[in-house]
Amino acid sequence: MKTRLITSAVGVVIALAVLFLHNTIVFNIAIAAVCIILLFELLRAANCIACKPLAGVSFAYGALVPFFTIGFLAPYRTLLTVVAMIALFFVFILNYDKLKYQQVAVAALATIIIPSSISCCITLNAMSKVYGIMYVVLALCGAWLADSGAYFVGTFLGKHKLCPNISPKKTIEGFVGGVITNGLLFLAIAFVYAKIVRAQGNAIDVNYFVAFFLGNSCALIGTVGDLTASLIKRQENLKDYGNLMPGHGGLYDRFDSVLFVVPFFTAVVSHLALFS
C-alpha cells in the first residue's frame, strides 16, 4: 500500500505540472511520451516488440501525432497516417520470415488507436482558453473516478461477479455504483468549477444534464476499456503491462480505460457543450 501511495503521489505531481503548462509545448511533449510508453507496453504484451523496425515506426508515429493534432501541421495528419501504415507493411514485407501478419495487424491497430485517443487531450485543451483544460481534467476523471467509485462500492457491497473469467474482482454492484457515483461527481465538479470561474469574473453556464450523462457514460465505456485490457493480459498470461509505476503496474494498466473514455468525451462535448 505504501508503494502504491508513493507512486500515486509522484504521478499526481507530474500530472499537475503538465496541466499547469497546458498552453506550452510541454503539454504536447508529455502526450507524445505517454503515447510512446503505451505503445511500447502493448506491443510488448502482444509479442510485437522484437522487430525493432516495426516498433520504431509505431513509436515515431506516436511521437508525431500530438504535434499534428492542432495547428499548422494538422492538415497533414492524414498524410502522416498513410505514410506510417505503408511503412509498417513495408517492414512486414522486408521481414516476412520473422513476422506474422497477426503481429503486424496488432501493431497497425495499436499505432492508430493509441496516439489518436490520447491526442484527444490536445483537442480538448484547444476548445476553449477558459475551460479547455477543465475538459481534459474531466475526461481523465471520467475514467479514473469511475474506477475508484466502482472499487469502493464493490468492496463494501459487491456480491455478484461482473465478468469472473476476465476480471474476477469486478462486481455488478461495483459497476453500477461506479456509474452512479461518476455521474454525481461530474455534477459536483462542474458546479464547483463554475463557481470558481464566476468568482474570477468570467461568465460561464453549465449544462448539468450533459455533465451527468458524461459521468455515467464515461464509467460505462471505461469499463469496456478496462475489461479489454484485462482480457489481453489474461490471454497473454501477464499480471501487468509493465513495472513503470510500482504498485500499479505499467502505464497501460492506468490508461486502459482512458483510451476509450477520452475520445468519447471529446466527441460528446464537440456536439453538446458542457460549458458555455
C-alpha atoms as a PDB file:
ATOM      1  CA  MET A   1       0.000   0.000   0.000  1.00  0.00           C
ATOM      2  CA  LYS A   2       2.842   2.414   0.876  1.00  0.00           C
ATOM      3  CA  THR A   3       4.438   1.864  -2.532  1.00  0.00           C
ATOM      4  CA  ARG A   4       1.127   2.476  -4.300  1.00  0.00           C
ATOM      5  CA  LEU A   5       0.580   5.713  -2.387  1.00  0.00           C
ATOM      6  CA  ILE A   6       4.083   6.997  -3.125  1.00  0.00           C
ATOM      7  CA  THR A   7       3.699   6.156  -6.819  1.00  0.00           C
ATOM      8  CA  SER A   8       0.285   7.858  -6.895  1.00  0.00           C
ATOM      9  CA  ALA A   9       1.703  10.973  -5.221  1.00  0.00           C
ATOM     10  CA  VAL A  10       4.537  11.205  -7.737  1.00  0.00           C
ATOM     11  CA  GLY A  11       2.068  10.683 -10.588  1.00  0.00           C
ATOM     12  CA  VAL A  12      -0.202  13.459  -9.293  1.00  0.00           C
ATOM     13  CA  VAL A  13       2.720  15.901  -9.030  1.00  0.00           C
ATOM     14  CA  ILE A  14       3.819  15.155 -12.600  1.00  0.00           C
ATOM     15  CA  ALA A  15       0.235  15.431 -13.885  1.00  0.00           C
ATOM     16  CA  LEU A  16      -0.299  18.783 -12.145  1.00  0.00           C
ATOM     17  CA  ALA A  17       2.948  20.131 -13.583  1.00  0.00           C
ATOM     18  CA  VAL A  18       1.932  19.095 -17.102  1.00  0.00           C
ATOM     19  CA  LEU A  19      -1.568  20.543 -16.694  1.00  0.00           C
ATOM     20  CA  PHE A  20      -0.106  23.802 -15.393  1.00  0.00           C
ATOM     21  CA  LEU A  21       1.934  24.035 -18.602  1.00  0.00           C
ATOM     22  CA  HIS A  22      -1.015  23.098 -20.821  1.00  0.00           C
ATOM     23  CA  ASN A  23      -0.559  26.148 -23.068  1.00  0.00           C
ATOM     24  CA  THR A  24       3.070  25.312 -23.835  1.00  0.00           C
ATOM     25  CA  ILE A  25       4.812  22.709 -25.969  1.00  0.00           C
ATOM     26  CA  VAL A  26       5.446  20.746 -22.770  1.00  0.00           C
ATOM     27  CA  PHE A  27       1.851  19.515 -22.965  1.00  0.00           C
ATOM     28  CA  ASN A  28       2.386  18.076 -26.460  1.00  0.00           C
ATOM     29  CA  ILE A  29       5.691  16.519 -25.408  1.00  0.00           C
ATOM     30  CA  ALA A  30       4.037  14.881 -22.392  1.00  0.00           C
ATOM     31  CA  ILE A  31       1.233  13.478 -24.565  1.00  0.00           C
ATOM     32  CA  ALA A  32       3.827  12.161 -27.035  1.00  0.00           C
ATOM     33  CA  ALA A  33       5.743  10.476 -24.193  1.00  0.00           C
ATOM     34  CA  VAL A  34       2.562   8.822 -22.910  1.00  0.00           C
ATOM     35  CA  CYS A  35       1.771   7.564 -26.434  1.00  0.00           C
ATOM     36  CA  ILE A  36       5.219   6.008 -26.836  1.00  0.00           C
ATOM     37  CA  ILE A  37       5.111   4.286 -23.443  1.00  0.00           C
ATOM     38  CA  LEU A  38       1.614   2.918 -24.038  1.00  0.00           C
ATOM     39  CA  LEU A  39       2.608   1.640 -27.467  1.00  0.00           C
ATOM     40  CA  PHE A  40       5.725   0.010 -26.061  1.00  0.00           C
ATOM     41  CA  GLU A  41       3.806  -1.773 -23.286  1.00  0.00           C
ATOM     42  CA  LEU A  42       1.010  -3.004 -25.552  1.00  0.00           C
ATOM     43  CA  LEU A  43       3.315  -4.110 -28.369  1.00  0.00           C
ATOM     44  CA  ARG A  44       5.499  -5.934 -25.861  1.00  0.00           C
ATOM     45  CA  ALA A  45       2.436  -7.670 -24.413  1.00  0.00           C
ATOM     46  CA  ALA A  46       1.393  -8.734 -27.916  1.00  0.00           C
ATOM     47  CA  ASN A  47       4.904 -10.003 -28.781  1.00  0.00           C
ATOM     48  CA  CYS A  48       5.421  -7.346 -31.445  1.00  0.00           C
ATOM     49  CA  ILE A  49       8.385  -5.564 -29.898  1.00  0.00           C
ATOM     50  CA  ALA A  50      11.134  -7.922 -31.095  1.00  0.00           C
ATOM     51  CA  CYS A  51      11.064  -6.468 -34.611  1.00  0.00           C
ATOM     52  CA  LYS A  52      12.734  -3.107 -33.996  1.00  0.00           C
ATOM     53  CA  PRO A  53      11.801  -1.510 -37.359  1.00  0.00           C
ATOM     54  CA  LEU A  54       8.129  -2.355 -36.746  1.00  0.00           C
ATOM     55  CA  ALA A  55       8.223  -0.908 -33.242  1.00  0.00           C
ATOM     56  CA  GLY A  56      10.245   2.072 -34.470  1.00  0.00           C
ATOM     57  CA  VAL A  57       7.577   3.086 -36.991  1.00  0.00           C
ATOM     58  CA  SER A  58       4.919   2.772 -34.325  1.00  0.00           C
ATOM     59  CA  PHE A  59       6.873   4.851 -31.805  1.00  0.00           C
ATOM     60  CA  ALA A  60       7.696   7.522 -34.381  1.00  0.00           C
ATOM     61  CA  TYR A  61       4.037   7.895 -35.305  1.00  0.00           C
ATOM     62  CA  GLY A  62       3.040   8.037 -31.650  1.00  0.00           C
ATOM     63  CA  ALA A  63       5.600  10.758 -31.024  1.00  0.00           C
ATOM     64  CA  LEU A  64       4.472  12.873 -34.000  1.00  0.00           C
ATOM     65  CA  VAL A  65       0.669  12.700 -33.810  1.00  0.00           C
ATOM     66  CA  PRO A  66       0.384  15.090 -30.821  1.00  0.00           C
ATOM     67  CA  PHE A  67       2.133  17.751 -32.924  1.00  0.00           C
ATOM     68  CA  PHE A  68      -0.146  17.064 -35.921  1.00  0.00           C
ATOM     69  CA  THR A  69      -3.384  17.414 -33.942  1.00  0.00           C
ATOM     70  CA  ILE A  70      -3.746  21.197 -33.626  1.00  0.00           C
ATOM     71  CA  GLY A  71      -2.016  23.972 -35.515  1.00  0.00           C
ATOM     72  CA  PHE A  72      -0.375  24.367 -38.898  1.00  0.00           C
ATOM     73  CA  LEU A  73       0.613  20.676 -39.095  1.00  0.00           C
ATOM     74  CA  ALA A  74      -2.932  19.373 -38.504  1.00  0.00           C
ATOM     75  CA  PRO A  75      -3.884  19.287 -42.231  1.00  0.00           C
ATOM     76  CA  TYR A  76      -1.013  16.845 -42.815  1.00  0.00           C
ATOM     77  CA  ARG A  77      -2.083  14.299 -40.206  1.00  0.00           C
ATOM     78  CA  THR A  78      -3.862  12.070 -42.731  1.00  0.00           C
ATOM     79  CA  LEU A  79      -0.732  12.015 -44.865  1.00  0.00           C
ATOM     80  CA  LEU A  80       1.330  11.120 -41.789  1.00  0.00           C
ATOM     81  CA  THR A  81      -1.044   8.228 -41.028  1.00  0.00           C
ATOM     82  CA  VAL A  82      -0.896   6.893 -44.586  1.00  0.00           C
ATOM     83  CA  VAL A  83       2.909   7.036 -44.606  1.00  0.00           C
ATOM     84  CA  ALA A  84       3.077   5.248 -41.244  1.00  0.00           C
ATOM     85  CA  MET A  85       0.767   2.440 -42.396  1.00  0.00           C
ATOM     86  CA  ILE A  86       2.724   1.967 -45.628  1.00  0.00           C
ATOM     87  CA  ALA A  87       5.941   1.870 -43.604  1.00  0.00           C
ATOM     88  CA  LEU A  88       4.535  -0.781 -41.255  1.00  0.00           C
ATOM     89  CA  PHE A  89       3.583  -3.095 -44.083  1.00  0.00           C
ATOM     90  CA  PHE A  90       6.852  -2.385 -45.898  1.00  0.00           C
ATOM     91  CA  VAL A  91       8.615  -3.615 -42.760  1.00  0.00           C
ATOM     92  CA  PHE A  92       6.365  -6.689 -42.891  1.00  0.00           C
ATOM     93  CA  ILE A  93       7.492  -7.423 -46.452  1.00  0.00           C
ATOM     94  CA  LEU A  94      11.159  -6.995 -45.576  1.00  0.00           C
ATOM     95  CA  ASN A  95      10.813  -9.235 -42.528  1.00  0.00           C
ATOM     96  CA  TYR A  96       8.403 -11.819 -43.970  1.00  0.00           C
ATOM     97  CA  ASP A  97      10.402 -14.669 -42.455  1.00  0.00           C
ATOM     98  CA  LYS A  98      10.247 -13.222 -38.922  1.00  0.00           C
ATOM     99  CA  LEU A  99       6.880 -11.513 -38.670  1.00  0.00           C
ATOM    100  CA  LYS A 100       3.397 -12.973 -38.768  1.00  0.00           C
ATOM    101  CA  TYR A 101       0.523 -10.982 -40.215  1.00  0.00           C
ATOM    102  CA  GLN A 102      -1.247 -11.087 -36.844  1.00  0.00           C
ATOM    103  CA  GLN A 103       1.646  -9.165 -35.282  1.00  0.00           C
ATOM    104  CA  VAL A 104       1.558  -6.540 -37.992  1.00  0.00           C
ATOM    105  CA  ALA A 105      -2.216  -6.223 -37.680  1.00  0.00           C
ATOM    106  CA  VAL A 106      -1.953  -5.666 -33.912  1.00  0.00           C
ATOM    107  CA  ALA A 107       0.873  -3.170 -34.399  1.00  0.00           C
ATOM    108  CA  ALA A 108      -1.093  -1.246 -37.035  1.00  0.00           C
ATOM    109  CA  LEU A 109      -4.229  -1.130 -34.883  1.00  0.00           C
ATOM    110  CA  ALA A 110      -2.319  -0.023 -31.777  1.00  0.00           C
ATOM    111  CA  THR A 111      -0.344   2.539 -33.774  1.00  0.00           C
ATOM    112  CA  ILE A 112      -3.522   4.240 -34.969  1.00  0.00           C
ATOM    113  CA  ILE A 113      -5.722   3.910 -31.891  1.00  0.00           C
ATOM    114  CA  ILE A 114      -3.404   4.867 -29.026  1.00  0.00           C
ATOM    115  CA  PRO A 115      -1.978   8.166 -30.366  1.00  0.00           C
ATOM    116  CA  SER A 116      -5.356   9.176 -31.824  1.00  0.00           C
ATOM    117  CA  SER A 117      -7.034   8.552 -28.480  1.00  0.00           C
ATOM    118  CA  ILE A 118      -4.513  10.218 -26.181  1.00  0.00           C
ATOM    119  CA  SER A 119      -4.090  13.184 -28.532  1.00  0.00           C
ATOM    120  CA  CYS A 120      -7.755  14.000 -27.970  1.00  0.00           C
ATOM    121  CA  CYS A 121      -6.484  15.671 -24.788  1.00  0.00           C
ATOM    122  CA  ILE A 122      -4.841  18.267 -27.046  1.00  0.00           C
ATOM    123  CA  THR A 123      -8.094  18.751 -28.949  1.00  0.00           C
ATOM    124  CA  LEU A 124      -9.997  19.254 -25.692  1.00  0.00           C
ATOM    125  CA  ASN A 125      -7.433  21.719 -24.404  1.00  0.00           C
ATOM    126  CA  ALA A 126      -7.753  23.787 -27.586  1.00  0.00           C
ATOM    127  CA  MET A 127     -11.565  24.007 -27.410  1.00  0.00           C
ATOM    128  CA  SER A 128     -11.510  26.985 -25.069  1.00  0.00           C
ATOM    129  CA  LYS A 129      -8.932  29.239 -23.434  1.00  0.00           C
ATOM    130  CA  VAL A 130     -11.118  29.367 -20.319  1.00  0.00           C
ATOM    131  CA  TYR A 131     -12.317  25.792 -19.781  1.00  0.00           C
ATOM    132  CA  GLY A 132     -10.400  23.711 -22.335  1.00  0.00           C
ATOM    133  CA  ILE A 133      -8.043  22.365 -19.693  1.00  0.00           C
ATOM    134  CA  MET A 134     -11.031  21.542 -17.491  1.00  0.00           C
ATOM    135  CA  TYR A 135     -12.332  19.359 -20.292  1.00  0.00           C
ATOM    136  CA  VAL A 136      -9.020  17.487 -20.167  1.00  0.00           C
ATOM    137  CA  VAL A 137      -9.272  17.055 -16.399  1.00  0.00           C
ATOM    138  CA  LEU A 138     -12.878  15.856 -16.596  1.00  0.00           C
ATOM    139  CA  ALA A 139     -12.100  13.412 -19.404  1.00  0.00           C
ATOM    140  CA  LEU A 140      -9.353  11.828 -17.313  1.00  0.00           C
ATOM    141  CA  CYS A 141     -11.572  11.885 -14.222  1.00  0.00           C
ATOM    142  CA  GLY A 142     -14.259  10.178 -16.271  1.00  0.00           C
ATOM    143  CA  ALA A 143     -12.029   7.114 -16.374  1.00  0.00           C
ATOM    144  CA  TRP A 144     -10.219   7.217 -13.052  1.00  0.00           C
ATOM    145  CA  LEU A 145     -13.005   8.376 -10.727  1.00  0.00           C
ATOM    146  CA  ALA A 146     -15.275   5.651 -12.066  1.00  0.00           C
ATOM    147  CA  ASP A 147     -12.612   3.062 -11.213  1.00  0.00           C
ATOM    148  CA  SER A 148     -12.370   4.412  -7.672  1.00  0.00           C
ATOM    149  CA  GLY A 149     -16.150   4.546  -7.234  1.00  0.00           C
ATOM    150  CA  ALA A 150     -16.553   1.008  -8.506  1.00  0.00           C
ATOM    151  CA  TYR A 151     -13.754  -0.213  -6.223  1.00  0.00           C
ATOM    152  CA  PHE A 152     -15.211   1.262  -3.036  1.00  0.00           C
ATOM    153  CA  VAL A 153     -18.809   0.284  -3.768  1.00  0.00           C
ATOM    154  CA  GLY A 154     -17.712  -3.181  -4.841  1.00  0.00           C
ATOM    155  CA  THR A 155     -15.585  -3.602  -1.702  1.00  0.00           C
ATOM    156  CA  PHE A 156     -18.495  -2.927   0.652  1.00  0.00           C
ATOM    157  CA  LEU A 157     -21.492  -4.141  -1.352  1.00  0.00           C
ATOM    158  CA  GLY A 158     -20.135  -6.386  -4.084  1.00  0.00           C
ATOM    159  CA  LYS A 159     -21.593  -9.900  -4.131  1.00  0.00           C
ATOM    160  CA  HIS A 160     -22.229 -10.774  -7.768  1.00  0.00           C
ATOM    161  CA  LYS A 161     -19.307 -11.102 -10.185  1.00  0.00           C
ATOM    162  CA  LEU A 162     -19.449  -8.996 -13.345  1.00  0.00           C
ATOM    163  CA  CYS A 163     -17.006 -10.916 -15.578  1.00  0.00           C
ATOM    164  CA  PRO A 164     -15.364 -13.577 -13.389  1.00  0.00           C
ATOM    165  CA  ASN A 165     -13.434 -15.165 -16.249  1.00  0.00           C
ATOM    166  CA  ILE A 166     -11.867 -11.852 -17.287  1.00  0.00           C
ATOM    167  CA  SER A 167     -11.629  -9.738 -14.141  1.00  0.00           C
ATOM    168  CA  PRO A 168     -12.539 -11.790 -11.034  1.00  0.00           C
ATOM    169  CA  LYS A 169     -12.564  -8.804  -8.668  1.00  0.00           C
ATOM    170  CA  LYS A 170     -15.170  -6.760 -10.531  1.00  0.00           C
ATOM    171  CA  THR A 171     -18.737  -6.987  -9.303  1.00  0.00           C
ATOM    172  CA  ILE A 172     -22.082  -5.927 -10.710  1.00  0.00           C
ATOM    173  CA  GLU A 173     -22.689  -3.816  -7.606  1.00  0.00           C
ATOM    174  CA  GLY A 174     -19.345  -2.093  -8.034  1.00  0.00           C
ATOM    175  CA  PHE A 175     -20.035  -1.464 -11.711  1.00  0.00           C
ATOM    176  CA  VAL A 176     -23.449   0.110 -11.001  1.00  0.00           C
ATOM    177  CA  GLY A 177     -22.002   2.080  -8.112  1.00  0.00           C
ATOM    178  CA  GLY A 178     -19.197   3.401 -10.324  1.00  0.00           C
ATOM    179  CA  VAL A 179     -21.684   4.571 -12.960  1.00  0.00           C
ATOM    180  CA  ILE A 180     -23.890   6.381 -10.453  1.00  0.00           C
ATOM    181  CA  THR A 181     -21.085   7.942  -8.412  1.00  0.00           C
ATOM    182  CA  ASN A 182     -19.311   9.098 -11.553  1.00  0.00           C
ATOM    183  CA  GLY A 183     -22.417  10.958 -12.679  1.00  0.00           C
ATOM    184  CA  LEU A 184     -22.808  12.598  -9.265  1.00  0.00           C
ATOM    185  CA  LEU A 185     -19.127  13.514  -9.094  1.00  0.00           C
ATOM    186  CA  PHE A 186     -19.311  15.123 -12.540  1.00  0.00           C
ATOM    187  CA  LEU A 187     -22.226  17.254 -11.329  1.00  0.00           C
ATOM    188  CA  ALA A 188     -20.291  18.298  -8.229  1.00  0.00           C
ATOM    189  CA  ILE A 189     -17.085  19.078 -10.120  1.00  0.00           C
ATOM    190  CA  ALA A 190     -18.938  21.095 -12.774  1.00  0.00           C
ATOM    191  CA  PHE A 191     -20.792  23.059 -10.069  1.00  0.00           C
ATOM    192  CA  VAL A 192     -17.638  23.901  -8.109  1.00  0.00           C
ATOM    193  CA  TYR A 193     -15.692  24.772 -11.253  1.00  0.00           C
ATOM    194  CA  ALA A 194     -18.442  27.142 -12.414  1.00  0.00           C
ATOM    195  CA  LYS A 195     -18.339  28.862  -9.005  1.00  0.00           C
ATOM    196  CA  ILE A 196     -14.576  29.361  -9.301  1.00  0.00           C
ATOM    197  CA  VAL A 197     -14.789  30.718 -12.854  1.00  0.00           C
ATOM    198  CA  ARG A 198     -17.540  33.166 -11.917  1.00  0.00           C
ATOM    199  CA  ALA A 199     -15.576  34.306  -8.871  1.00  0.00           C
ATOM    200  CA  GLN A 200     -12.759  35.223 -11.247  1.00  0.00           C
ATOM    201  CA  GLY A 201     -15.127  37.475 -13.181  1.00  0.00           C
ATOM    202  CA  ASN A 202     -15.764  35.160 -16.136  1.00  0.00           C
ATOM    203  CA  ALA A 203     -19.222  34.218 -17.388  1.00  0.00           C
ATOM    204  CA  ILE A 204     -19.935  30.507 -17.641  1.00  0.00           C
ATOM    205  CA  ASP A 205     -23.008  28.298 -17.949  1.00  0.00           C
ATOM    206  CA  VAL A 206     -23.087  24.596 -17.150  1.00  0.00           C
ATOM    207  CA  ASN A 207     -25.284  22.025 -18.851  1.00  0.00           C
ATOM    208  CA  TYR A 208     -25.834  19.720 -15.872  1.00  0.00           C
ATOM    209  CA  PHE A 209     -27.723  17.193 -17.971  1.00  0.00           C
ATOM    210  CA  VAL A 210     -24.646  16.770 -20.174  1.00  0.00           C
ATOM    211  CA  ALA A 211     -22.445  16.590 -17.067  1.00  0.00           C
ATOM    212  CA  PHE A 212     -24.465  13.742 -15.555  1.00  0.00           C
ATOM    213  CA  PHE A 213     -24.726  11.970 -18.907  1.00  0.00           C
ATOM    214  CA  LEU A 214     -20.961  12.210 -19.417  1.00  0.00           C
ATOM    215  CA  GLY A 215     -20.238  10.908 -15.931  1.00  0.00           C
ATOM    216  CA  ASN A 216     -22.490   7.877 -16.401  1.00  0.00           C
ATOM    217  CA  SER A 217     -21.363   7.178 -19.958  1.00  0.00           C
ATOM    218  CA  CYS A 218     -17.647   7.522 -19.220  1.00  0.00           C
ATOM    219  CA  ALA A 219     -17.995   4.974 -16.415  1.00  0.00           C
ATOM    220  CA  LEU A 220     -19.719   2.537 -18.772  1.00  0.00           C
ATOM    221  CA  ILE A 221     -17.218   2.990 -21.575  1.00  0.00           C
ATOM    222  CA  GLY A 222     -14.242   2.971 -19.243  1.00  0.00           C
ATOM    223  CA  THR A 223     -15.297  -0.464 -18.036  1.00  0.00           C
ATOM    224  CA  VAL A 224     -15.119  -1.732 -21.615  1.00  0.00           C
ATOM    225  CA  GLY A 225     -11.549  -0.442 -21.868  1.00  0.00           C
ATOM    226  CA  ASP A 226     -10.613  -1.936 -18.517  1.00  0.00           C
ATOM    227  CA  LEU A 227     -12.049  -5.357 -19.357  1.00  0.00           C
ATOM    228  CA  THR A 228     -10.426  -5.324 -22.793  1.00  0.00           C
ATOM    229  CA  ALA A 229      -7.010  -4.694 -21.251  1.00  0.00           C
ATOM    230  CA  SER A 230      -7.648  -7.421 -18.658  1.00  0.00           C
ATOM    231  CA  LEU A 231      -8.634  -9.868 -21.390  1.00  0.00           C
ATOM    232  CA  ILE A 232      -5.413  -9.212 -23.317  1.00  0.00           C
ATOM    233  CA  LYS A 233      -3.354  -9.778 -20.166  1.00  0.00           C
ATOM    234  CA  ARG A 234      -5.222 -12.976 -19.402  1.00  0.00           C
ATOM    235  CA  GLN A 235      -4.719 -14.348 -22.922  1.00  0.00           C
ATOM    236  CA  GLU A 236      -1.021 -13.445 -22.821  1.00  0.00           C
ATOM    237  CA  ASN A 237      -0.587 -14.726 -19.240  1.00  0.00           C
ATOM    238  CA  LEU A 238       0.528 -11.342 -17.901  1.00  0.00           C
ATOM    239  CA  LYS A 239      -0.009  -9.861 -14.457  1.00  0.00           C
ATOM    240  CA  ASP A 240       0.686  -6.273 -15.530  1.00  0.00           C
ATOM    241  CA  TYR A 241       1.718  -4.450 -18.682  1.00  0.00           C
ATOM    242  CA  GLY A 242       4.916  -3.279 -17.012  1.00  0.00           C
ATOM    243  CA  ASN A 243       6.514  -2.030 -13.809  1.00  0.00           C
ATOM    244  CA  LEU A 244       6.941   1.648 -14.616  1.00  0.00           C
ATOM    245  CA  MET A 245       4.573   2.521 -11.757  1.00  0.00           C
ATOM    246  CA  PRO A 246       5.496   0.384  -8.724  1.00  0.00           C
ATOM    247  CA  GLY A 247       2.395  -0.955  -7.040  1.00  0.00           C
ATOM    248  CA  HIS A 248       0.238  -0.124 -10.055  1.00  0.00           C
ATOM    249  CA  GLY A 249       1.968  -1.958 -12.902  1.00  0.00           C
ATOM    250  CA  GLY A 250       2.630  -0.289 -16.213  1.00  0.00           C
ATOM    251  CA  LEU A 251       1.269   2.947 -17.591  1.00  0.00           C
ATOM    252  CA  TYR A 252      -1.153   0.968 -19.759  1.00  0.00           C
ATOM    253  CA  ASP A 253      -2.639  -0.531 -16.587  1.00  0.00           C
ATOM    254  CA  ARG A 254      -3.649   3.011 -15.570  1.00  0.00           C
ATOM    255  CA  PHE A 255      -4.661   4.226 -19.044  1.00  0.00           C
ATOM    256  CA  ASP A 256      -6.641   1.236 -20.307  1.00  0.00           C
ATOM    257  CA  SER A 257      -9.990   2.931 -19.633  1.00  0.00           C
ATOM    258  CA  VAL A 258      -8.650   6.372 -20.616  1.00  0.00           C
ATOM    259  CA  LEU A 259      -8.081   5.126 -24.173  1.00  0.00           C
ATOM    260  CA  PHE A 260     -11.813   4.590 -24.543  1.00  0.00           C
ATOM    261  CA  VAL A 261     -13.124   7.457 -22.422  1.00  0.00           C
ATOM    262  CA  VAL A 262     -11.165  10.443 -23.772  1.00  0.00           C
ATOM    263  CA  PRO A 263     -12.230  10.058 -27.448  1.00  0.00           C
ATOM    264  CA  PHE A 264     -15.838   9.558 -26.372  1.00  0.00           C
ATOM    265  CA  PHE A 265     -15.727  12.623 -24.124  1.00  0.00           C
ATOM    266  CA  THR A 266     -14.221  14.656 -26.980  1.00  0.00           C
ATOM    267  CA  ALA A 267     -16.913  13.532 -29.412  1.00  0.00           C
ATOM    268  CA  VAL A 268     -19.717  14.422 -26.983  1.00  0.00           C
ATOM    269  CA  VAL A 269     -18.502  17.906 -25.985  1.00  0.00           C
ATOM    270  CA  SER A 270     -17.817  18.679 -29.652  1.00  0.00           C
ATOM    271  CA  HIS A 271     -21.577  18.498 -30.217  1.00  0.00           C
ATOM    272  CA  LEU A 272     -23.090  19.009 -26.754  1.00  0.00           C
ATOM    273  CA  ALA A 273     -21.317  21.793 -24.874  1.00  0.00           C
ATOM    274  CA  LEU A 274     -20.786  21.105 -21.191  1.00  0.00           C
ATOM    275  CA  PHE A 275     -19.616  24.659 -20.509  1.00  0.00           C
ATOM    276  CA  SER A 276     -20.592  27.771 -22.448  1.00  0.00           C
END
